[in-house]
Amino acid sequence: MEHILEHLERGQDPAHRMITHQQYREWQRGYIFDGLRTVRYGQSFCNHFDISDNILFYNVLLTTEEVDGYIRRTYIR
């Protein structure tokens, strides 16, 4: 699975939107409402920050911890 993520990450546009730690923590606190509506973690992140990232939006195979790691490596500055 890690190999797949690395391959897909390399194909991402490096000029994508960067999010601050504070913005990310604020979104995480509000995620509970999306979670109750069965919106996936990555999907909620994309919707909230208006980000187009197919890895996050459509992925149903990764755990929340794996998605969180991907977000932190890719979008958090």
Protein backbone atom coordinates (compact mmCIF):
# COMPACT_ATOMS: atom_id res chain seq x y z
CA MET A 1 0.00 0.00 0.00
CA GLU A 2 2.84 2.43 0.84
CA HIS A 3 4.31 1.89 -2.65
CA ILE A 4 1.00 2.88 -4.22
CA LEU A 5 0.82 6.05 -2.12
CA GLU A 6 4.37 7.06 -3.01
CA HIS A 7 3.67 6.54 -6.69
CA LEU A 8 0.47 8.58 -6.57
CA GLU A 9 2.05 11.35 -4.49
CA ARG A 10 4.80 11.84 -7.06
CA GLY A 11 2.11 12.56 -9.66
CA GLN A 12 0.56 15.39 -7.62
CA ASP A 13 1.06 18.99 -8.63
CA PRO A 14 3.60 20.51 -6.19
CA ALA A 15 1.88 23.88 -6.48
CA HIS A 16 -1.23 22.67 -4.63
CA ARG A 17 -2.68 24.58 -1.74
CA MET A 18 -0.81 24.51 1.57
CA ILE A 19 -2.68 24.48 4.88
CA THR A 20 -1.37 25.76 8.23
CA HIS A 21 -1.34 23.57 11.35
CA GLN A 22 -3.94 25.84 12.91
CA GLN A 23 -6.30 25.55 9.92
CA TYR A 24 -5.87 21.77 9.99
CA ARG A 25 -6.61 21.51 13.72
CA GLU A 26 -9.72 23.68 13.32
CA TRP A 27 -10.98 21.44 10.51
CA GLN A 28 -10.25 18.31 12.57
CA ARG A 29 -12.36 19.63 15.45
CA GLY A 30 -15.27 20.19 13.07
CA TYR A 31 -14.87 16.86 11.26
CA ILE A 32 -17.04 15.08 13.81
CA PHE A 33 -20.15 16.49 12.12
CA ASP A 34 -19.06 15.20 8.71
CA GLY A 35 -18.12 11.88 10.28
CA LEU A 36 -21.61 11.54 11.72
CA ARG A 37 -22.96 12.09 8.20
CA THR A 38 -20.60 9.29 6.98
CA VAL A 39 -18.40 11.65 4.97
CA ARG A 40 -14.94 10.10 4.70
CA TYR A 41 -12.03 11.88 6.43
CA GLY A 42 -10.19 12.71 3.21
CA GLN A 43 -13.38 13.67 1.42
CA SER A 44 -14.25 16.10 4.22
CA PHE A 45 -10.75 17.61 4.06
CA CYS A 46 -11.05 18.15 0.30
CA ASN A 47 -14.52 19.67 0.61
CA HIS A 48 -13.53 21.99 3.44
CA PHE A 49 -10.36 23.33 1.81
CA ASP A 50 -11.66 23.17 -1.78
CA ILE A 51 -8.89 20.77 -2.82
CA SER A 52 -9.05 18.36 -5.76
CA ASP A 53 -7.14 15.26 -4.72
CA ASN A 54 -8.46 11.91 -5.91
CA ILE A 55 -6.33 10.01 -3.40
CA LEU A 56 -8.11 11.73 -0.54
CA PHE A 57 -11.56 12.21 -1.98
CA TYR A 58 -12.25 8.73 -3.32
CA ASN A 59 -10.09 6.48 -1.18
CA VAL A 60 -11.98 3.95 0.89
CA LEU A 61 -9.10 1.54 1.51
CA LEU A 62 -6.81 3.64 3.71
CA THR A 63 -7.36 4.05 7.43
CA THR A 64 -7.96 7.47 8.94
CA GLU A 65 -4.41 7.40 10.32
CA GLU A 66 -2.96 6.72 6.86
CA VAL A 67 -5.05 9.51 5.33
CA ASP A 68 -3.97 11.85 8.15
CA GLY A 69 -0.31 11.04 7.43
CA TYR A 70 -0.80 11.70 3.73
CA ILE A 71 -2.47 15.05 4.45
CA ARG A 72 0.33 16.07 6.82
CA ARG A 73 3.06 15.13 4.31
CA THR A 74 1.32 16.71 1.34
CA TYR A 75 -0.61 19.77 2.52
CA ILE A 76 0.52 20.95 5.97
CA ARG A 77 3.27 23.56 6.16
